[in-house]
Amino acid sequence: MDEAIKIHPDNASAYYYRGTAYFGRRKFKKALSDYHKAIELNPEYVNAYINRGFYYHSRNEFPKAINDYNKALDLNPMSPTASRLLAQAITDRDLYELRMSDMKRAGEMGVVTRQNRVPSAPQPQQ
């Protein structure tokens, strides 16, 4: 893909596919950068919005994920992938907010859980 991008730097698909390859190799920031570029080059690239939304979703950045899934659905209202992921992102957002609220309430009541305790200082590597 790098070679294709050198030859055709305005090819949105090349950035999209390289981003997908980066994502598969767990190079998430590079993947995100390529999804941004694919969308910049082709603002109607449905799959780039879906994949960028999935990146945000995986990082609990629910508003950004929901925006990208909605944009994909605006462009292709029949996309089953965008529909399914949008529903999942909304559900995950609501559960996440509920869990955060419960942990905050537990902390206010003096209940210490693994999630709401103050972490100890990191230990130096040996």
Foldseek 3Di string as FASTA:
>chain_A
DVVVCVVPVLALVVLQVVLVVCVVVVVNVSSLVSLVSSCVSPVLPLVSLQVNLVSCLVVLVLVSSLVSLVSSCVSPVPDPSSVVVNVVSVVVNVVVVVVVVVLVVCVVVVHDDPVNDDDDDDDDDD
